[in-house]
């Protein structure tokens, strides 16, 4: 009787491990297809904020603002490769966002002087001084979500939560957002 119980326990454990392996394998296959890099078409990122605002109004979509330093910020490069250049993000973004990229490269030849000046004003306006930073805003500059850093494993949760806030009109008034960012900045200065 002891042998039968031990044998049944062993078989149960073996079947359980096999089922877990199959779940992991299924997840891996899904994950690989969703994160496959898109080489066929590229998403259209606006680099003119006024055009992004106009497009947001016309399409009734929030703006995903990406503050990046494309030629020197390694976390920015990783975020682009591991999130923004995937088929999953492309499909999600086309349905949910107007995309805007504010680039702050060291190589001045990568963006024109007008874009550089405009991006500097946006950085000051939105109080964004670290890279990468993502803001989800509407055409009235109400802020639905913000995120600093690359945290690739949880970006789609962040996007989904932002879209829910947009649908439910749960935003932070721009003046309150700026006040909070100023307080964070002052706290960081005090810690230096």
Protein backbone atom coordinates (compact mmCIF):
# COMPACT_ATOMS: atom_id res chain seq x y z
CA UNK A 1 0.00 0.00 0.00
CA UNK A 2 2.91 2.32 0.82
CA UNK A 3 4.43 1.66 -2.59
CA UNK A 4 1.18 2.44 -4.39
CA UNK A 5 0.78 5.70 -2.45
CA UNK A 6 4.39 6.65 -3.19
CA UNK A 7 3.97 5.74 -6.86
CA UNK A 8 0.74 7.75 -7.14
CA UNK A 9 2.43 10.73 -5.44
CA UNK A 10 5.35 10.49 -7.88
CA UNK A 11 3.01 10.31 -10.91
CA UNK A 12 0.98 13.25 -9.65
CA UNK A 13 4.16 15.32 -9.20
CA UNK A 14 5.38 14.34 -12.67
CA UNK A 15 2.07 15.31 -14.29
CA UNK A 16 2.00 18.59 -12.35
CA UNK A 17 5.54 19.53 -13.46
CA UNK A 18 4.70 18.63 -17.07
CA UNK A 19 1.57 20.80 -16.98
CA UNK A 20 3.56 23.72 -15.58
CA UNK A 21 6.19 23.26 -18.29
CA UNK A 22 3.50 23.33 -20.99
CA UNK A 23 2.01 26.54 -19.52
CA UNK A 24 5.45 28.18 -19.49
CA UNK A 25 6.13 26.95 -23.02
CA UNK A 26 2.79 28.32 -24.23
CA UNK A 27 3.52 31.66 -22.55
CA UNK A 28 6.99 31.78 -24.11
CA UNK A 29 5.54 31.17 -27.57
CA UNK A 30 2.95 33.91 -27.11
CA UNK A 31 5.53 36.23 -25.64
CA UNK A 32 7.92 35.70 -28.55
CA UNK A 33 5.24 36.39 -31.16
CA UNK A 34 4.01 39.50 -29.33
CA UNK A 35 7.49 40.90 -28.84
CA UNK A 36 8.76 40.10 -32.31
CA UNK A 37 10.41 43.19 -33.68
CA UNK A 38 8.59 44.87 -36.47
CA UNK A 39 10.83 45.42 -39.47
CA UNK A 40 8.11 45.88 -42.09
CA UNK A 41 6.66 49.22 -41.05
CA UNK A 42 7.56 51.80 -38.50
CA UNK A 43 5.16 53.70 -36.33
CA UNK A 44 4.72 57.36 -37.08
CA UNK A 45 6.12 59.41 -34.21
CA UNK A 46 5.37 63.11 -34.45
CA UNK A 47 8.24 65.42 -33.57
CA UNK A 48 6.12 68.56 -33.78
CA UNK A 49 4.03 68.99 -30.63
CA UNK A 50 1.40 71.23 -32.27
CA UNK A 51 0.80 68.59 -34.94
CA UNK A 52 0.47 65.93 -32.23
CA UNK A 53 -2.11 68.09 -30.42
CA UNK A 54 -4.09 68.59 -33.66
CA UNK A 55 -3.98 64.88 -34.43
CA UNK A 56 -5.09 64.08 -30.87
CA UNK A 57 -8.13 66.33 -31.26
CA UNK A 58 -9.04 64.94 -34.69
CA UNK A 59 -8.65 61.28 -33.68
CA UNK A 60 -9.93 61.69 -30.10
CA UNK A 61 -6.89 59.86 -28.76
CA UNK A 62 -4.50 60.73 -25.97
CA UNK A 63 -0.88 61.57 -26.75
CA UNK A 64 1.90 59.28 -25.64
CA UNK A 65 4.85 61.62 -25.15
CA UNK A 66 8.26 59.96 -25.17
CA UNK A 67 11.13 62.05 -23.81
CA UNK A 68 14.32 60.39 -25.00
CA UNK A 69 17.99 60.98 -25.68
CA UNK A 70 18.35 58.71 -28.68
CA UNK A 71 22.10 58.74 -29.15
CA UNK A 72 23.38 58.42 -25.58
CA UNK A 73 20.65 57.14 -23.23
CA UNK A 74 20.99 53.35 -23.03
CA UNK A 75 17.69 52.80 -21.15
CA UNK A 76 15.96 54.87 -23.88
CA UNK A 77 17.46 52.66 -26.57
CA UNK A 78 16.38 49.52 -24.71
CA UNK A 79 12.85 50.86 -24.26
CA UNK A 80 12.60 51.60 -27.97
CA UNK A 81 13.89 48.15 -28.93
CA UNK A 82 12.07 46.06 -26.32
CA UNK A 83 8.73 47.91 -26.28
CA UNK A 84 8.19 50.49 -29.02
CA UNK A 85 9.61 48.41 -31.89
CA UNK A 86 7.44 45.38 -31.18
CA UNK A 87 4.40 44.25 -33.12
CA UNK A 88 2.41 44.20 -29.88
CA UNK A 89 3.13 47.87 -29.22
CA UNK A 90 2.53 48.86 -32.84
CA UNK A 91 -0.93 47.29 -32.79
CA UNK A 92 -1.71 48.78 -29.39
CA UNK A 93 -0.46 52.26 -30.25
CA UNK A 94 -2.32 52.50 -33.57
CA UNK A 95 -5.57 51.87 -31.73
CA UNK A 96 -4.96 53.95 -28.62
CA UNK A 97 -2.42 56.78 -29.00
CA UNK A 98 -1.04 59.64 -30.98
CA UNK A 99 2.72 59.21 -30.64
CA UNK A 100 5.03 62.13 -29.95
CA UNK A 101 8.77 61.92 -29.45
CA UNK A 102 10.86 64.70 -27.89
CA UNK A 103 14.48 63.80 -28.56
CA UNK A 104 17.47 65.36 -26.76
CA UNK A 105 20.50 63.93 -28.57
CA UNK A 106 24.05 65.07 -27.93
CA UNK A 107 24.72 64.91 -31.66
CA UNK A 108 23.10 68.16 -32.80
CA UNK A 109 22.86 66.88 -36.39
CA UNK A 110 20.17 64.34 -35.44
CA UNK A 111 17.43 66.98 -35.08
CA UNK A 112 17.02 70.43 -36.59
CA UNK A 113 17.43 73.65 -34.60
CA UNK A 114 13.67 74.38 -34.43
CA UNK A 115 12.90 70.91 -33.06
CA UNK A 116 15.75 71.24 -30.56
CA UNK A 117 14.35 74.56 -29.33
CA UNK A 118 10.79 73.24 -29.20
CA UNK A 119 11.91 70.15 -27.24
CA UNK A 120 13.81 72.33 -24.77
CA UNK A 121 10.63 74.36 -24.16
CA UNK A 122 8.58 71.17 -23.75
CA UNK A 123 11.06 69.76 -21.27
CA UNK A 124 10.78 72.90 -19.17
CA UNK A 125 6.99 73.11 -19.58
CA UNK A 126 6.38 69.48 -18.55
CA UNK A 127 9.23 69.49 -15.98
CA UNK A 128 10.95 66.54 -17.62
CA UNK A 129 14.66 66.29 -16.98
CA UNK A 130 15.29 62.55 -16.90
CA UNK A 131 15.28 59.92 -19.62
CA UNK A 132 13.36 57.95 -20.62
CA UNK A 133 10.10 59.54 -19.51
CA UNK A 134 6.62 58.74 -20.79
CA UNK A 135 3.62 61.03 -20.34
CA UNK A 136 0.09 60.25 -21.43
CA UNK A 137 -1.80 63.52 -21.94
CA UNK A 138 -4.83 64.80 -23.77
CA UNK A 139 -5.03 67.77 -26.15
CA UNK A 140 -5.69 70.10 -23.18
CA UNK A 141 -2.46 68.92 -21.48
CA UNK A 142 -4.31 67.05 -18.74
CA UNK A 143 -1.98 64.31 -17.53
CA UNK A 144 -3.35 60.77 -17.30
CA UNK A 145 -0.13 58.97 -16.49
CA UNK A 146 3.60 59.45 -16.26
CA UNK A 147 6.52 57.07 -15.95
CA UNK A 148 10.24 57.51 -15.68
CA UNK A 149 12.67 54.70 -16.45
CA UNK A 150 12.51 51.68 -18.71
CA UNK A 151 10.67 48.98 -16.64
CA UNK A 152 9.89 46.99 -19.79
CA UNK A 153 8.10 44.16 -18.06
CA UNK A 154 5.26 46.38 -16.87
CA UNK A 155 4.78 48.96 -19.62
CA UNK A 156 1.62 47.44 -21.04
CA UNK A 157 -0.02 47.52 -17.60
CA UNK A 158 0.95 51.18 -17.45
CA UNK A 159 -0.56 51.80 -20.92
CA UNK A 160 -3.76 49.92 -20.06
CA UNK A 161 -4.19 51.84 -16.81
CA UNK A 162 -3.65 55.12 -18.67
CA UNK A 163 -6.28 54.23 -21.30
CA UNK A 164 -8.76 53.36 -18.53
CA UNK A 165 -8.11 56.76 -16.96
CA UNK A 166 -8.68 58.42 -20.35
CA UNK A 167 -11.97 56.59 -20.83
CA UNK A 168 -13.08 57.48 -17.30
CA UNK A 169 -11.77 61.06 -17.59
CA UNK A 170 -9.58 60.58 -14.50
CA UNK A 171 -6.73 62.97 -15.07
CA UNK A 172 -4.51 65.34 -13.17
CA UNK A 173 -4.94 68.98 -14.08
CA UNK A 174 -1.79 70.28 -15.67
CA UNK A 175 -1.22 72.86 -12.92
CA UNK A 176 -1.43 70.13 -10.25
CA UNK A 177 0.93 67.92 -12.25
CA UNK A 178 3.50 70.72 -12.54
CA UNK A 179 3.20 71.45 -8.82
CA UNK A 180 3.86 67.79 -7.98
CA UNK A 181 6.82 67.62 -10.39
CA UNK A 182 8.29 70.79 -8.87
CA UNK A 183 7.96 69.29 -5.39
CA UNK A 184 9.71 66.10 -6.53
CA UNK A 185 12.47 68.17 -8.11
CA UNK A 186 12.97 70.21 -4.94
CA UNK A 187 13.09 67.05 -2.81
CA UNK A 188 15.73 65.59 -5.11
CA UNK A 189 17.76 68.80 -4.87
CA UNK A 190 17.57 68.65 -1.08
CA UNK A 191 18.94 65.08 -1.17
CA UNK A 192 21.99 66.04 -3.23
